[in-house]
Amino acid sequence: VLAETLAEVEVPVVAAGGIGTAERVDALLGAGAAAVRVGT
């Protein structure tokens, strides 16, 4: 959903869902997310 969303919009995209480690944060920022959302 992140990849598809980045291809559709020009506003910043925050990635959310199952993010709990620095490695996952790095991967999502590297994939184009402007930020990540963390809950659990």
PDB file of all heavy atoms in Angstrom:
ATOM      1  N   VAL A   1       0.827  -1.207   0.000  1.00  0.00           N
ATOM      2  CA  VAL A   1       0.000   0.000   0.000  1.00  0.00           C
ATOM      3  C   VAL A   1       0.862   1.258   0.000  1.00  0.00           C
ATOM      4  O   VAL A   1       0.497   2.278  -0.601  1.00  0.00           O
ATOM      5  CB  VAL A   1      -0.992  -0.002   1.182  1.00  0.00           C
ATOM      6  CG1 VAL A   1      -0.313   0.221   2.515  1.00  0.00           C
ATOM      7  CG2 VAL A   1      -2.084   1.039   0.967  1.00  0.00           C
ATOM      8  N   LEU A   2       2.044   1.200   0.622  1.00  0.00           N
ATOM      9  CA  LEU A   2       2.941   2.357   0.598  1.00  0.00           C
ATOM     10  C   LEU A   2       3.409   2.642  -0.819  1.00  0.00           C
ATOM     11  O   LEU A   2       3.365   3.795  -1.284  1.00  0.00           O
ATOM     12  CB  LEU A   2       4.131   2.110   1.519  1.00  0.00           C
ATOM     13  CG  LEU A   2       5.223   3.190   1.488  1.00  0.00           C
ATOM     14  CD1 LEU A   2       4.682   4.536   1.972  1.00  0.00           C
ATOM     15  CD2 LEU A   2       6.423   2.760   2.328  1.00  0.00           C
ATOM     16  N   ALA A   3       3.873   1.607  -1.519  1.00  0.00           N
ATOM     17  CA  ALA A   3       4.369   1.812  -2.886  1.00  0.00           C
ATOM     18  C   ALA A   3       3.273   2.353  -3.797  1.00  0.00           C
ATOM     19  O   ALA A   3       3.509   3.284  -4.593  1.00  0.00           O
ATOM     20  CB  ALA A   3       4.920   0.493  -3.429  1.00  0.00           C
ATOM     21  N   GLU A   4       2.084   1.800  -3.676  1.00  0.00           N
ATOM     22  CA  GLU A   4       0.982   2.255  -4.520  1.00  0.00           C
ATOM     23  C   GLU A   4       0.567   3.682  -4.174  1.00  0.00           C
ATOM     24  O   GLU A   4       0.240   4.480  -5.063  1.00  0.00           O
ATOM     25  CB  GLU A   4      -0.204   1.300  -4.388  1.00  0.00           C
ATOM     26  CG  GLU A   4       0.068  -0.080  -4.967  1.00  0.00           C
ATOM     27  CD  GLU A   4      -1.107  -1.031  -4.816  1.00  0.00           C
ATOM     28  OE1 GLU A   4      -2.169  -0.593  -4.310  1.00  0.00           O
ATOM     29  OE2 GLU A   4      -0.968  -2.212  -5.199  1.00  0.00           O
ATOM     30  N   THR A   5       0.597   4.019  -2.897  1.00  0.00           N
ATOM     31  CA  THR A   5       0.216   5.364  -2.475  1.00  0.00           C
ATOM     32  C   THR A   5       1.241   6.390  -2.938  1.00  0.00           C
ATOM     33  O   THR A   5       0.880   7.475  -3.424  1.00  0.00           O
ATOM     34  CB  THR A   5       0.048   5.405  -0.951  1.00  0.00           C
ATOM     35  OG1 THR A   5      -0.986   4.498  -0.563  1.00  0.00           O
ATOM     36  CG2 THR A   5      -0.314   6.807  -0.472  1.00  0.00           C
ATOM     37  N   LEU A   6       2.521   6.073  -2.806  1.00  0.00           N
ATOM     38  CA  LEU A   6       3.566   6.993  -3.255  1.00  0.00           C
ATOM     39  C   LEU A   6       3.446   7.285  -4.747  1.00  0.00           C
ATOM     40  O   LEU A   6       3.779   8.392  -5.205  1.00  0.00           O
ATOM     41  CB  LEU A   6       4.946   6.403  -2.955  1.00  0.00           C
ATOM     42  CG  LEU A   6       5.374   6.428  -1.486  1.00  0.00           C
ATOM     43  CD1 LEU A   6       6.603   5.555  -1.273  1.00  0.00           C
ATOM     44  CD2 LEU A   6       5.648   7.855  -1.029  1.00  0.00           C
ATOM     45  N   ALA A   7       2.963   6.318  -5.507  1.00  0.00           N
ATOM     46  CA  ALA A   7       2.802   6.511  -6.946  1.00  0.00           C
ATOM     47  C   ALA A   7       1.580   7.355  -7.293  1.00  0.00           C
ATOM     48  O   ALA A   7       1.466   7.848  -8.415  1.00  0.00           O
ATOM     49  CB  ALA A   7       2.700   5.148  -7.636  1.00  0.00           C
ATOM     50  N   GLU A   8       0.673   7.529  -6.324  1.00  0.00           N
ATOM     51  CA  GLU A   8      -0.597   8.207  -6.600  1.00  0.00           C
ATOM     52  C   GLU A   8      -0.669   9.640  -6.105  1.00  0.00           C
ATOM     53  O   GLU A   8      -1.458  10.435  -6.625  1.00  0.00           O
ATOM     54  CB  GLU A   8      -1.750   7.419  -5.967  1.00  0.00           C
ATOM     55  CG  GLU A   8      -2.115   6.149  -6.693  1.00  0.00           C
ATOM     56  CD  GLU A   8      -2.834   6.417  -8.010  1.00  0.00           C
ATOM     57  OE1 GLU A   8      -3.408   7.510  -8.167  1.00  0.00           O
ATOM     58  OE2 GLU A   8      -2.797   5.534  -8.877  1.00  0.00           O
ATOM     59  N   VAL A   9       0.106   9.997  -5.071  1.00  0.00           N
ATOM     60  CA  VAL A   9      -0.038  11.329  -4.471  1.00  0.00           C
ATOM     61  C   VAL A   9       1.303  12.052  -4.427  1.00  0.00           C
ATOM     62  O   VAL A   9       2.364  11.432  -4.455  1.00  0.00           O
ATOM     63  CB  VAL A   9      -0.625  11.237  -3.040  1.00  0.00           C
ATOM     64  CG1 VAL A   9      -1.973  10.524  -3.045  1.00  0.00           C
ATOM     65  CG2 VAL A   9       0.344  10.550  -2.092  1.00  0.00           C
ATOM     66  N   GLU A  10       1.218  13.367  -4.328  1.00  0.00           N
ATOM     67  CA  GLU A  10       2.423  14.187  -4.243  1.00  0.00           C
ATOM     68  C   GLU A  10       2.636  14.759  -2.852  1.00  0.00           C
ATOM     69  O   GLU A  10       3.678  15.366  -2.589  1.00  0.00           O
ATOM     70  CB  GLU A  10       2.357  15.316  -5.275  1.00  0.00           C
ATOM     71  CG  GLU A  10       2.349  14.803  -6.711  1.00  0.00           C
ATOM     72  CD  GLU A  10       2.430  15.927  -7.725  1.00  0.00           C
ATOM     73  OE1 GLU A  10       2.574  17.094  -7.309  1.00  0.00           O
ATOM     74  OE2 GLU A  10       2.345  15.637  -8.925  1.00  0.00           O
ATOM     75  N   VAL A  11       1.667  14.574  -1.964  1.00  0.00           N
ATOM     76  CA  VAL A  11       1.845  15.024  -0.584  1.00  0.00           C
ATOM     77  C   VAL A  11       2.675  13.997   0.166  1.00  0.00           C
ATOM     78  O   VAL A  11       2.797  12.841  -0.256  1.00  0.00           O
ATOM     79  CB  VAL A  11       0.475  15.220   0.116  1.00  0.00           C
ATOM     80  CG1 VAL A  11      -0.325  16.303  -0.590  1.00  0.00           C
ATOM     81  CG2 VAL A  11      -0.293  13.907   0.176  1.00  0.00           C
ATOM     82  N   PRO A  12       3.268  14.364   1.310  1.00  0.00           N
ATOM     83  CA  PRO A  12       4.034  13.395   2.102  1.00  0.00           C
ATOM     84  C   PRO A  12       3.180  12.205   2.524  1.00  0.00           C
ATOM     85  O   PRO A  12       1.990  12.350   2.850  1.00  0.00           O
ATOM     86  CB  PRO A  12       4.494  14.211   3.310  1.00  0.00           C
ATOM     87  CG  PRO A  12       4.531  15.616   2.814  1.00  0.00           C
ATOM     88  CD  PRO A  12       3.386  15.726   1.863  1.00  0.00           C
ATOM     89  N   VAL A  13       3.801  11.039   2.546  1.00  0.00           N
ATOM     90  CA  VAL A  13       3.121   9.802   2.924  1.00  0.00           C
ATOM     91  C   VAL A  13       3.793   9.223   4.166  1.00  0.00           C
ATOM     92  O   VAL A  13       5.003   8.965   4.165  1.00  0.00           O
ATOM     93  CB  VAL A  13       3.153   8.774   1.781  1.00  0.00           C
ATOM     94  CG1 VAL A  13       2.448   7.468   2.221  1.00  0.00           C
ATOM     95  CG2 VAL A  13       2.499   9.336   0.525  1.00  0.00           C
ATOM     96  N   VAL A  14       3.024   9.024   5.210  1.00  0.00           N
ATOM     97  CA  VAL A  14       3.500   8.400   6.441  1.00  0.00           C
ATOM     98  C   VAL A  14       3.136   6.914   6.392  1.00  0.00           C
ATOM     99  O   VAL A  14       2.011   6.563   6.048  1.00  0.00           O
ATOM    100  CB  VAL A  14       2.847   9.068   7.675  1.00  0.00           C
ATOM    101  CG1 VAL A  14       3.311   8.389   8.961  1.00  0.00           C
ATOM    102  CG2 VAL A  14       3.172  10.557   7.700  1.00  0.00           C
ATOM    103  N   ALA A  15       4.083   6.054   6.718  1.00  0.00           N
ATOM    104  CA  ALA A  15       3.846   4.608   6.707  1.00  0.00           C
ATOM    105  C   ALA A  15       3.409   4.140   8.080  1.00  0.00           C
ATOM    106  O   ALA A  15       3.976   4.532   9.099  1.00  0.00           O
ATOM    107  CB  ALA A  15       5.122   3.878   6.295  1.00  0.00           C
ATOM    108  N   ALA A  16       2.388   3.265   8.130  1.00  0.00           N
ATOM    109  CA  ALA A  16       1.852   2.785   9.405  1.00  0.00           C
ATOM    110  C   ALA A  16       1.517   1.302   9.308  1.00  0.00           C
ATOM    111  O   ALA A  16       1.023   0.829   8.287  1.00  0.00           O
ATOM    112  CB  ALA A  16       0.596   3.569   9.783  1.00  0.00           C
ATOM    113  N   GLY A  17       1.799   0.585  10.400  1.00  0.00           N
ATOM    114  CA  GLY A  17       1.401  -0.809  10.475  1.00  0.00           C
ATOM    115  C   GLY A  17       2.557  -1.753  10.736  1.00  0.00           C
ATOM    116  O   GLY A  17       3.373  -2.004   9.858  1.00  0.00           O
ATOM    117  N   GLY A  18       2.648  -2.252  11.955  1.00  0.00           N
ATOM    118  CA  GLY A  18       3.641  -3.266  12.268  1.00  0.00           C
ATOM    119  C   GLY A  18       5.059  -2.750  12.342  1.00  0.00           C
ATOM    120  O   GLY A  18       6.006  -3.508  12.075  1.00  0.00           O
ATOM    121  N   ILE A  19       5.247  -1.509  12.744  1.00  0.00           N
ATOM    122  CA  ILE A  19       6.586  -0.894  12.781  1.00  0.00           C
ATOM    123  C   ILE A  19       7.063  -0.845  14.222  1.00  0.00           C
ATOM    124  O   ILE A  19       6.463  -0.168  15.061  1.00  0.00           O
ATOM    125  CB  ILE A  19       6.541   0.531  12.183  1.00  0.00           C
ATOM    126  CG1 ILE A  19       5.983   0.480  10.754  1.00  0.00           C
ATOM    127  CG2 ILE A  19       7.937   1.161  12.200  1.00  0.00           C
ATOM    128  CD1 ILE A  19       5.597   1.844  10.201  1.00  0.00           C
ATOM    129  N   GLY A  20       8.168  -1.555  14.518  1.00  0.00           N
ATOM    130  CA  GLY A  20       8.618  -1.611  15.900  1.00  0.00           C
ATOM    131  C   GLY A  20      10.111  -1.565  16.103  1.00  0.00           C
ATOM    132  O   GLY A  20      10.577  -1.557  17.243  1.00  0.00           O
ATOM    133  N   THR A  21      10.889  -1.514  15.003  1.00  0.00           N
ATOM    134  CA  THR A  21      12.341  -1.534  15.118  1.00  0.00           C
ATOM    135  C   THR A  21      12.977  -0.451  14.255  1.00  0.00           C
ATOM    136  O   THR A  21      12.372   0.022  13.287  1.00  0.00           O
ATOM    137  CB  THR A  21      12.909  -2.892  14.669  1.00  0.00           C
ATOM    138  OG1 THR A  21      12.657  -3.064  13.259  1.00  0.00           O
ATOM    139  CG2 THR A  21      12.278  -4.035  15.453  1.00  0.00           C
ATOM    140  N   ALA A  22      14.213  -0.106  14.593  1.00  0.00           N
ATOM    141  CA  ALA A  22      14.957   0.873  13.808  1.00  0.00           C
ATOM    142  C   ALA A  22      15.186   0.372  12.390  1.00  0.00           C
ATOM    143  O   ALA A  22      15.165   1.156  11.432  1.00  0.00           O
ATOM    144  CB  ALA A  22      16.287   1.185  14.483  1.00  0.00           C
ATOM    145  N   GLU A  23      15.391  -0.930  12.250  1.00  0.00           N
ATOM    146  CA  GLU A  23      15.613  -1.499  10.921  1.00  0.00           C
ATOM    147  C   GLU A  23      14.386  -1.334  10.032  1.00  0.00           C
ATOM    148  O   GLU A  23      14.501  -1.019   8.841  1.00  0.00           O
ATOM    149  CB  GLU A  23      15.982  -2.982  11.058  1.00  0.00           C
ATOM    150  CG  GLU A  23      17.335  -3.245  11.681  1.00  0.00           C
ATOM    151  CD  GLU A  23      17.368  -3.009  13.180  1.00  0.00           C
ATOM    152  OE1 GLU A  23      16.273  -2.994  13.821  1.00  0.00           O
ATOM    153  OE2 GLU A  23      18.473  -2.815  13.721  1.00  0.00           O
ATOM    154  N   ARG A  24      13.203  -1.532  10.608  1.00  0.00           N
ATOM    155  CA  ARG A  24      11.985  -1.369   9.821  1.00  0.00           C
ATOM    156  C   ARG A  24      11.754   0.101   9.488  1.00  0.00           C
ATOM    157  O   ARG A  24      11.324   0.431   8.376  1.00  0.00           O
ATOM    158  CB  ARG A  24      10.795  -1.927  10.611  1.00  0.00           C
ATOM    159  CG  ARG A  24       9.474  -1.915   9.835  1.00  0.00           C
ATOM    160  CD  ARG A  24       9.542  -2.741   8.579  1.00  0.00           C
ATOM    161  NE  ARG A  24       8.217  -2.887   7.972  1.00  0.00           N
ATOM    162  CZ  ARG A  24       8.010  -2.966   6.667  1.00  0.00           C
ATOM    163  NH1 ARG A  24       9.040  -2.911   5.812  1.00  0.00           N
ATOM    164  NH2 ARG A  24       6.787  -3.103   6.193  1.00  0.00           N
ATOM    165  N   VAL A  25      12.047   0.978  10.432  1.00  0.00           N
ATOM    166  CA  VAL A  25      11.945   2.412  10.157  1.00  0.00           C
ATOM    167  C   VAL A  25      12.850   2.790   8.992  1.00  0.00           C
ATOM    168  O   VAL A  25      12.431   3.469   8.050  1.00  0.00           O
ATOM    169  CB  VAL A  25      12.310   3.236  11.408  1.00  0.00           C
ATOM    170  CG1 VAL A  25      12.416   4.723  11.054  1.00  0.00           C
ATOM    171  CG2 VAL A  25      11.274   3.033  12.510  1.00  0.00           C
ATOM    172  N   ASP A  26      14.088   2.336   9.033  1.00  0.00           N
ATOM    173  CA  ASP A  26      15.035   2.646   7.957  1.00  0.00           C
ATOM    174  C   ASP A  26      14.532   2.154   6.615  1.00  0.00           C
ATOM    175  O   ASP A  26      14.625   2.850   5.594  1.00  0.00           O
ATOM    176  CB  ASP A  26      16.389   2.004   8.259  1.00  0.00           C
ATOM    177  CG  ASP A  26      17.112   2.657   9.415  1.00  0.00           C
ATOM    178  OD1 ASP A  26      16.672   3.737   9.854  1.00  0.00           O
ATOM    179  OD2 ASP A  26      18.111   2.094   9.880  1.00  0.00           O
ATOM    180  N   ALA A  27      14.007   0.931   6.592  1.00  0.00           N
ATOM    181  CA  ALA A  27      13.544   0.350   5.336  1.00  0.00           C
ATOM    182  C   ALA A  27      12.397   1.154   4.737  1.00  0.00           C
ATOM    183  O   ALA A  27      12.356   1.394   3.523  1.00  0.00           O
ATOM    184  CB  ALA A  27      13.119  -1.102   5.559  1.00  0.00           C
ATOM    185  N   LEU A  28      11.473   1.600   5.580  1.00  0.00           N
ATOM    186  CA  LEU A  28      10.321   2.348   5.081  1.00  0.00           C
ATOM    187  C   LEU A  28      10.699   3.747   4.629  1.00  0.00           C
ATOM    188  O   LEU A  28      10.200   4.231   3.607  1.00  0.00           O
ATOM    189  CB  LEU A  28       9.238   2.395   6.160  1.00  0.00           C
ATOM    190  CG  LEU A  28       8.575   1.038   6.433  1.00  0.00           C
ATOM    191  CD1 LEU A  28       7.800   1.071   7.736  1.00  0.00           C
ATOM    192  CD2 LEU A  28       7.665   0.646   5.276  1.00  0.00           C
ATOM    193  N   LEU A  29      11.589   4.393   5.363  1.00  0.00           N
ATOM    194  CA  LEU A  29      12.071   5.705   4.914  1.00  0.00           C
ATOM    195  C   LEU A  29      12.824   5.563   3.602  1.00  0.00           C
ATOM    196  O   LEU A  29      12.708   6.398   2.702  1.00  0.00           O
ATOM    197  CB  LEU A  29      12.956   6.339   5.987  1.00  0.00           C
ATOM    198  CG  LEU A  29      12.277   6.688   7.318  1.00  0.00           C
ATOM    199  CD1 LEU A  29      13.296   7.279   8.291  1.00  0.00           C
ATOM    200  CD2 LEU A  29      11.106   7.646   7.123  1.00  0.00           C
ATOM    201  N   GLY A  30      13.591   4.483   3.490  1.00  0.00           N
ATOM    202  CA  GLY A  30      14.312   4.224   2.254  1.00  0.00           C
ATOM    203  C   GLY A  30      13.393   3.941   1.082  1.00  0.00           C
ATOM    204  O   GLY A  30      13.745   4.202  -0.080  1.00  0.00           O
ATOM    205  N   ALA A  31      12.216   3.414   1.369  1.00  0.00           N
ATOM    206  CA  ALA A  31      11.242   3.113   0.323  1.00  0.00           C
ATOM    207  C   ALA A  31      10.443   4.339  -0.104  1.00  0.00           C
ATOM    208  O   ALA A  31       9.642   4.257  -1.037  1.00  0.00           O
ATOM    209  CB  ALA A  31      10.290   2.021   0.790  1.00  0.00           C
ATOM    210  N   GLY A  32      10.645   5.458   0.583  1.00  0.00           N
ATOM    211  CA  GLY A  32       9.979   6.692   0.181  1.00  0.00           C
ATOM    212  C   GLY A  32       9.030   7.295   1.185  1.00  0.00           C
ATOM    213  O   GLY A  32       8.491   8.380   0.952  1.00  0.00           O
ATOM    214  N   ALA A  33       8.787   6.611   2.312  1.00  0.00           N
ATOM    215  CA  ALA A  33       7.924   7.204   3.339  1.00  0.00           C
ATOM    216  C   ALA A  33       8.572   8.458   3.904  1.00  0.00           C
ATOM    217  O   ALA A  33       9.786   8.497   4.120  1.00  0.00           O
ATOM    218  CB  ALA A  33       7.666   6.196   4.457  1.00  0.00           C
ATOM    219  N   ALA A  34       7.762   9.481   4.155  1.00  0.00           N
ATOM    220  CA  ALA A  34       8.277  10.714   4.735  1.00  0.00           C
ATOM    221  C   ALA A  34       8.440  10.590   6.239  1.00  0.00           C
ATOM    222  O   ALA A  34       9.191  11.347   6.852  1.00  0.00           O
ATOM    223  CB  ALA A  34       7.338  11.872   4.414  1.00  0.00           C
ATOM    224  N   ALA A  35       7.732   9.634   6.832  1.00  0.00           N
ATOM    225  CA  ALA A  35       7.791   9.385   8.273  1.00  0.00           C
ATOM    226  C   ALA A  35       7.115   8.052   8.531  1.00  0.00           C
ATOM    227  O   ALA A  35       6.549   7.436   7.621  1.00  0.00           O
ATOM    228  CB  ALA A  35       7.103  10.506   9.052  1.00  0.00           C
ATOM    229  N   VAL A  36       7.172   7.591   9.775  1.00  0.00           N
ATOM    230  CA  VAL A  36       6.476   6.358  10.155  1.00  0.00           C
ATOM    231  C   VAL A  36       5.595   6.629  11.358  1.00  0.00           C
ATOM    232  O   VAL A  36       5.867   7.518  12.161  1.00  0.00           O
ATOM    233  CB  VAL A  36       7.459   5.214  10.473  1.00  0.00           C
ATOM    234  CG1 VAL A  36       8.311   4.879   9.266  1.00  0.00           C
ATOM    235  CG2 VAL A  36       8.323   5.540  11.681  1.00  0.00           C
ATOM    236  N   ARG A  37       4.541   5.834  11.459  1.00  0.00           N
ATOM    237  CA  ARG A  37       3.631   5.927  12.597  1.00  0.00           C
ATOM    238  C   ARG A  37       3.762   4.656  13.415  1.00  0.00           C
ATOM    239  O   ARG A  37       3.756   3.560  12.881  1.00  0.00           O
ATOM    240  CB  ARG A  37       2.189   6.082  12.112  1.00  0.00           C
ATOM    241  CG  ARG A  37       1.168   5.639  13.133  1.00  0.00           C
ATOM    242  CD  ARG A  37      -0.222   6.014  12.727  1.00  0.00           C
ATOM    243  NE  ARG A  37      -0.337   7.463  12.732  1.00  0.00           N
ATOM    244  CZ  ARG A  37      -1.462   8.104  12.445  1.00  0.00           C
ATOM    245  NH1 ARG A  37      -2.541   7.435  12.123  1.00  0.00           N
ATOM    246  NH2 ARG A  37      -1.504   9.403  12.482  1.00  0.00           N
ATOM    247  N   VAL A  38       3.858   4.824  14.735  1.00  0.00           N
ATOM    248  CA  VAL A  38       4.064   3.698  15.644  1.00  0.00           C
ATOM    249  C   VAL A  38       3.004   3.737  16.730  1.00  0.00           C
ATOM    250  O   VAL A  38       2.768   4.781  17.342  1.00  0.00           O
ATOM    251  CB  VAL A  38       5.471   3.764  16.268  1.00  0.00           C
ATOM    252  CG1 VAL A  38       5.670   2.622  17.254  1.00  0.00           C
ATOM    253  CG2 VAL A  38       6.539   3.717  15.168  1.00  0.00           C
ATOM    254  N   GLY A  39       2.382   2.583  16.986  1.00  0.00           N
ATOM    255  CA  GLY A  39       1.372   2.504  18.027  1.00  0.00           C
ATOM    256  C   GLY A  39       1.706   1.499  19.108  1.00  0.00           C
ATOM    257  O   GLY A  39       1.853   1.844  20.280  1.00  0.00           O
ATOM    258  N   THR A  40       1.853   0.230  18.738  1.00  0.00           N
ATOM    259  CA  THR A  40       1.984  -0.843  19.717  1.00  0.00           C
ATOM    260  C   THR A  40       3.153  -0.640  20.668  1.00  0.00           C
ATOM    261  O   THR A  40       3.033  -0.879  21.881  1.00  0.00           O
ATOM    262  CB  THR A  40       2.097  -2.198  19.001  1.00  0.00           C
ATOM    263  OG1 THR A  40       0.942  -2.378  18.157  1.00  0.00           O
ATOM    264  CG2 THR A  40       2.176  -3.346  19.988  1.00  0.00           C
TER     265      THR A  40
END
